[in-house]
Amino acid sequence: MRILLTNDDGIGAPGLWAVAEELARVGDVVVAAPGEERSGAGTSISLRKPIWVQEVPPKVEGVRAFSVSGTPADSAIIAISCLFANEFDLVVSGINRGSNLGHDVYVSGTVGAAMQGYLHNIPSAAVSMYAYVDIDYRAAAHIAALIALKVKSGVLGGPMLLNINVPNLAPDQIRGVTVTRISQKNYCDRIEKDYDASGEYYLITRNDELEDAAPGTDLWAVENGRISVTPLPDRAVSEEFVNKLKQIAPELEDALRASAR
């Protein structure tokens, strides 16, 4: 089994190498990750821009590692399409320092990199920690390896994208694993305005006030000491809304035809 490991925290991130060590017990691991932190890059790619790839010494024996000058998605695409074309059985992105919950999944470089595996029909998982400091990566690394074993045995397979968030607890303190849906709100982006010699500027930052920890959501799970496993793309559109669109589609068609006369 060959596993592609990537992230958005950069190739030197401790979470990357913590999970690399666990995954190396399951299969052959190739690391392809940005040369520096690219958090918040989402699914962005460096379209028509040069991307440099350099093989670097790994921090785990037996693992091959490549530093990529582009985004997390660039790293995954180049590894999947060029470095080891058609050779990966699983893509893992992480372990991210900080969670990717709720609407964060739409801007997350960690999820964006894993998405490339999914789009290439490879089972994929993004793994993130519900913490920024004093992080214990053991439980997150172990759950990633367990998912890898399920893929290896054939229990999980095909196009699959899992968004996994892990509370910052020792493995024996984890209260369970819950299959969740994304919460409706996240860190509530905060805009700060300041000035310098060039004039007024803005900073997009995060505050610490989390909302919408409804039962069954990713946020609820981690706040209750449980590992959240969210299948993506999450079903964010209701059947009622879909049916409404279907009902008005003929009206839209008629209006378009009328405007062309």
Protein backbone atom coordinates (compact mmCIF):
# COMPACT_ATOMS: atom_id res chain seq x y z
CA MET A 1 0.00 0.00 0.00
CA ARG A 2 1.38 3.43 -0.96
CA ILE A 3 0.19 6.46 1.00
CA LEU A 4 0.57 10.11 0.02
CA LEU A 5 0.95 12.38 3.03
CA THR A 6 0.61 16.15 2.66
CA ASN A 7 -0.47 19.16 4.74
CA ASP A 8 -0.78 22.94 4.80
CA ASP A 9 1.44 23.63 7.83
CA GLY A 10 4.59 22.97 5.82
CA ILE A 11 6.98 20.08 5.45
CA GLY A 12 8.67 20.72 8.79
CA ALA A 13 5.46 20.63 10.84
CA PRO A 14 5.52 18.21 13.80
CA GLY A 15 2.00 16.96 13.08
CA LEU A 16 3.06 15.82 9.61
CA TRP A 17 5.88 13.67 10.96
CA ALA A 18 3.85 12.35 13.89
CA VAL A 19 1.34 10.82 11.48
CA ALA A 20 4.06 9.80 9.01
CA GLU A 21 5.56 7.57 11.70
CA GLU A 22 2.21 5.83 12.29
CA LEU A 23 1.33 5.50 8.60
CA ALA A 24 4.76 4.02 7.84
CA ARG A 25 3.66 1.00 9.89
CA VAL A 26 0.77 0.48 7.46
CA GLY A 27 2.33 1.13 4.06
CA ASP A 28 4.95 2.95 2.01
CA VAL A 29 4.66 6.67 2.74
CA VAL A 30 5.54 9.52 0.39
CA VAL A 31 5.45 13.04 1.79
CA ALA A 32 4.78 15.92 -0.62
CA ALA A 33 4.09 19.13 1.26
CA PRO A 34 4.54 22.89 0.91
CA GLY A 35 7.97 24.19 1.82
CA GLU A 36 6.33 26.68 4.18
CA GLU A 37 3.02 27.14 5.96
CA ARG A 38 0.11 27.70 3.56
CA SER A 39 -2.86 27.71 5.95
CA GLY A 40 -6.11 29.02 4.50
CA ALA A 41 -5.09 28.18 0.94
CA GLY A 42 -8.21 26.08 0.44
CA THR A 43 -8.25 24.32 -2.91
CA SER A 44 -6.19 27.00 -4.67
CA ILE A 45 -3.58 25.96 -7.23
CA SER A 46 -0.65 27.86 -8.73
CA LEU A 47 -2.12 28.08 -12.20
CA ARG A 48 0.48 28.77 -14.92
CA LYS A 49 3.14 29.55 -12.29
CA PRO A 50 6.40 27.62 -11.88
CA ILE A 51 6.37 25.10 -9.04
CA TRP A 52 9.67 23.75 -7.76
CA VAL A 53 9.94 20.32 -6.16
CA GLN A 54 12.95 19.23 -4.13
CA GLU A 55 13.50 15.88 -2.43
CA VAL A 56 14.55 16.49 1.18
CA PRO A 57 15.79 14.30 4.04
CA PRO A 58 12.84 12.67 5.85
CA LYS A 59 12.31 12.77 9.61
CA VAL A 60 11.01 9.20 9.61
CA GLU A 61 13.14 6.34 8.33
CA GLY A 62 11.93 4.74 5.11
CA VAL A 63 9.77 7.70 4.06
CA ARG A 64 10.50 9.75 0.93
CA ALA A 65 9.89 13.48 1.30
CA PHE A 66 9.43 16.25 -1.27
CA SER A 67 9.23 19.97 -0.55
CA VAL A 68 6.90 21.80 -2.96
CA SER A 69 7.02 25.56 -3.56
CA GLY A 70 3.27 25.77 -4.22
CA THR A 71 0.03 25.29 -2.32
CA PRO A 72 -1.20 22.18 -0.49
CA ALA A 73 -3.36 21.31 -3.51
CA ASP A 74 -0.33 21.78 -5.79
CA SER A 75 1.61 19.34 -3.62
CA ALA A 76 -1.06 16.67 -3.90
CA ILE A 77 -1.61 17.16 -7.63
CA ILE A 78 2.08 16.96 -8.50
CA ALA A 79 2.63 13.87 -6.35
CA ILE A 80 -0.45 12.09 -7.72
CA SER A 81 0.01 13.05 -11.37
CA CYS A 82 3.77 13.28 -11.81
CA LEU A 83 5.99 12.02 -9.00
CA PHE A 84 4.18 8.71 -8.48
CA ALA A 85 1.47 8.61 -11.15
CA ASN A 86 -1.36 6.18 -10.43
CA GLU A 87 0.48 4.63 -7.49
CA PHE A 88 -1.35 5.92 -4.41
CA ASP A 89 -3.95 3.91 -2.52
CA LEU A 90 -4.67 6.61 0.08
CA VAL A 91 -4.12 10.32 0.57
CA VAL A 92 -3.81 11.75 4.09
CA SER A 93 -3.53 15.48 4.77
CA GLY A 94 -2.39 16.66 8.19
CA ILE A 95 -2.09 16.47 11.07
CA ASN A 96 -3.12 20.13 11.09
CA ARG A 97 -2.34 22.36 14.05
CA GLY A 98 -5.81 23.71 14.76
CA SER A 99 -9.20 22.36 13.83
CA ASN A 100 -11.08 22.46 10.54
CA LEU A 101 -14.70 22.55 11.62
CA GLY A 102 -17.91 23.94 10.22
CA HIS A 103 -17.47 26.38 7.39
CA ASP A 104 -13.69 26.26 7.83
CA VAL A 105 -13.66 23.22 5.54
CA TYR A 106 -14.30 25.53 2.58
CA VAL A 107 -11.08 27.51 3.12
CA SER A 108 -8.89 24.86 4.71
CA GLY A 109 -5.66 24.02 2.92
CA THR A 110 -5.64 20.71 4.80
CA VAL A 111 -9.03 19.75 3.39
CA GLY A 112 -8.15 21.28 0.02
CA ALA A 113 -5.14 18.98 -0.34
CA ALA A 114 -7.17 15.91 0.61
CA MET A 115 -9.83 16.99 -1.87
CA GLN A 116 -7.34 16.43 -4.69
CA GLY A 117 -7.06 12.79 -3.73
CA TYR A 118 -10.84 12.52 -3.75
CA LEU A 119 -11.02 14.16 -7.18
CA HIS A 120 -8.50 11.60 -8.45
CA ASN A 121 -10.71 8.75 -7.15
CA ILE A 122 -8.36 7.96 -4.26
CA PRO A 123 -9.68 7.44 -0.72
CA SER A 124 -8.63 10.54 1.20
CA ALA A 125 -8.71 11.96 4.70
CA ALA A 126 -7.91 15.33 6.27
CA VAL A 127 -6.84 15.16 9.93
CA SER A 128 -6.81 18.17 12.26
CA MET A 129 -6.31 18.88 15.95
CA TYR A 130 -8.78 20.80 18.10
CA ALA A 131 -5.86 22.74 19.63
CA TYR A 132 -3.04 25.14 18.76
CA VAL A 133 -0.62 24.74 21.66
CA ASP A 134 0.72 21.87 23.78
CA ILE A 135 -0.61 19.39 21.23
CA ASP A 136 -0.67 15.65 21.80
CA TYR A 137 -0.72 14.20 18.27
CA ARG A 138 -0.89 10.54 19.33
CA ALA A 139 -4.66 9.99 19.06
CA ALA A 140 -4.87 11.79 15.71
CA ALA A 141 -1.93 9.84 14.28
CA HIS A 142 -3.45 6.59 15.49
CA ILE A 143 -6.92 7.25 14.02
CA ALA A 144 -5.27 8.10 10.67
CA ALA A 145 -3.42 4.78 10.75
CA LEU A 146 -6.63 2.94 11.64
CA ILE A 147 -8.40 4.52 8.65
CA ALA A 148 -5.44 3.49 6.50
CA LEU A 149 -5.79 -0.09 7.70
CA LYS A 150 -9.49 -0.05 6.78
CA VAL A 151 -8.59 1.12 3.28
CA LYS A 152 -5.84 -1.48 3.02
CA SER A 153 -8.22 -4.28 4.00
CA GLY A 154 -10.89 -3.11 1.55
CA VAL A 155 -13.45 -2.13 4.19
CA LEU A 156 -13.19 1.48 2.95
CA GLY A 157 -12.46 2.33 -0.65
CA GLY A 158 -13.41 4.20 -3.77
CA PRO A 159 -13.85 7.96 -3.91
CA MET A 160 -13.98 8.99 -0.25
CA LEU A 161 -13.18 12.21 1.58
CA LEU A 162 -13.21 12.22 5.36
CA ASN A 163 -12.67 15.32 7.48
CA ILE A 164 -11.38 14.18 10.86
CA ASN A 165 -11.02 16.45 13.88
CA VAL A 166 -9.46 15.21 17.09
CA PRO A 167 -9.67 16.69 20.61
CA ASN A 168 -6.36 17.41 22.30
CA LEU A 169 -6.50 14.45 24.65
CA ALA A 170 -4.33 11.43 25.35
CA PRO A 171 -5.52 8.33 23.46
CA ASP A 172 -6.96 6.78 26.63
CA GLN A 173 -9.00 9.94 27.32
CA ILE A 174 -10.79 9.99 23.96
CA ARG A 175 -14.49 9.29 24.61
CA GLY A 176 -15.26 7.77 21.24
CA VAL A 177 -15.54 8.28 17.50
CA THR A 178 -18.63 9.97 16.04
CA VAL A 179 -19.68 10.25 12.40
CA THR A 180 -20.80 13.86 12.14
CA ARG A 181 -22.03 16.60 9.85
CA ILE A 182 -20.40 20.03 9.60
CA SER A 183 -21.70 22.66 11.97
CA GLN A 184 -23.30 25.76 10.51
CA LYS A 185 -20.85 28.21 12.05
CA ASN A 186 -17.19 28.19 12.92
CA TYR A 187 -14.63 30.54 14.37
CA CYS A 188 -16.52 33.65 13.27
CA ASP A 189 -14.03 35.58 11.16
CA ARG A 190 -13.08 38.86 12.81
CA ILE A 191 -11.91 41.87 10.84
CA GLU A 192 -9.32 44.15 12.43
CA LYS A 193 -8.47 47.56 10.99
CA ASP A 194 -5.14 49.27 11.56
CA TYR A 195 -2.77 51.78 10.02
CA ASP A 196 0.85 51.98 8.99
CA ALA A 197 2.99 54.30 6.88
CA SER A 198 1.15 53.15 3.73
CA GLY A 199 -2.26 53.94 5.16
CA GLU A 200 -5.26 51.93 6.36
CA TYR A 201 -5.25 48.14 6.11
CA TYR A 202 -7.34 45.18 7.29
CA LEU A 203 -6.51 41.88 8.97
CA ILE A 204 -8.75 38.83 8.83
CA THR A 205 -8.28 37.01 12.12
CA ARG A 206 -10.06 34.41 14.22
CA ASN A 207 -11.61 34.76 17.64
CA ASP A 208 -12.06 32.01 20.20
CA GLU A 209 -15.86 32.08 20.37
CA LEU A 210 -17.24 28.93 18.78
CA GLU A 211 -20.93 28.61 17.94
CA ASP A 212 -23.52 26.08 16.91
CA ALA A 213 -22.27 22.99 18.74
CA ALA A 214 -25.52 21.17 17.95
CA PRO A 215 -25.60 17.42 18.71
CA GLY A 216 -24.35 15.41 15.76
CA THR A 217 -22.06 18.15 14.44
CA ASP A 218 -18.27 18.11 14.20
CA LEU A 219 -17.96 20.89 16.79
CA TRP A 220 -20.23 19.07 19.24
CA ALA A 221 -18.11 15.93 18.96
CA VAL A 222 -14.74 17.52 19.72
CA GLU A 223 -16.17 19.67 22.50
CA ASN A 224 -17.37 16.45 24.09
CA GLY A 225 -14.01 14.71 23.84
CA ARG A 226 -14.90 12.64 20.79
CA ILE A 227 -13.17 12.27 17.43
CA SER A 228 -15.31 13.76 14.67
CA VAL A 229 -15.38 11.97 11.31
CA THR A 230 -17.32 13.96 8.70
CA PRO A 231 -17.86 12.53 5.21
CA LEU A 232 -17.49 15.26 2.59
CA PRO A 233 -18.82 16.83 0.46
CA ASP A 234 -21.30 17.47 3.24
CA ARG A 235 -24.96 17.55 2.25
CA ALA A 236 -25.51 21.24 2.80
CA VAL A 237 -28.54 21.63 0.51
CA SER A 238 -31.98 20.47 1.61
CA GLU A 239 -34.27 18.36 -0.59
CA GLU A 240 -36.87 21.08 -0.21
CA PHE A 241 -34.56 23.66 -1.76
CA VAL A 242 -33.56 21.28 -4.57
CA ASN A 243 -37.23 20.64 -5.36
CA LYS A 244 -37.92 24.37 -5.39
CA LEU A 245 -35.12 24.89 -7.93
CA LYS A 246 -36.53 22.09 -10.08
CA GLN A 247 -39.96 23.74 -10.01
CA ILE A 248 -38.70 27.12 -11.19
CA ALA A 249 -36.28 25.71 -13.79
CA PRO A 250 -38.98 25.65 -16.56
CA GLU A 251 -39.82 29.29 -15.78
CA LEU A 252 -36.15 30.22 -16.11
CA GLU A 253 -35.95 28.37 -19.43
CA ASP A 254 -39.02 30.16 -20.75
CA ALA A 255 -37.70 33.53 -19.65
CA LEU A 256 -34.37 32.88 -21.37
CA ARG A 257 -36.08 31.91 -24.60
CA ALA A 258 -38.30 34.97 -24.43
CA SER A 259 -35.30 37.27 -23.94
CA ALA A 260 -33.68 35.83 -27.08
CA ARG A 261 -36.60 36.71 -29.35
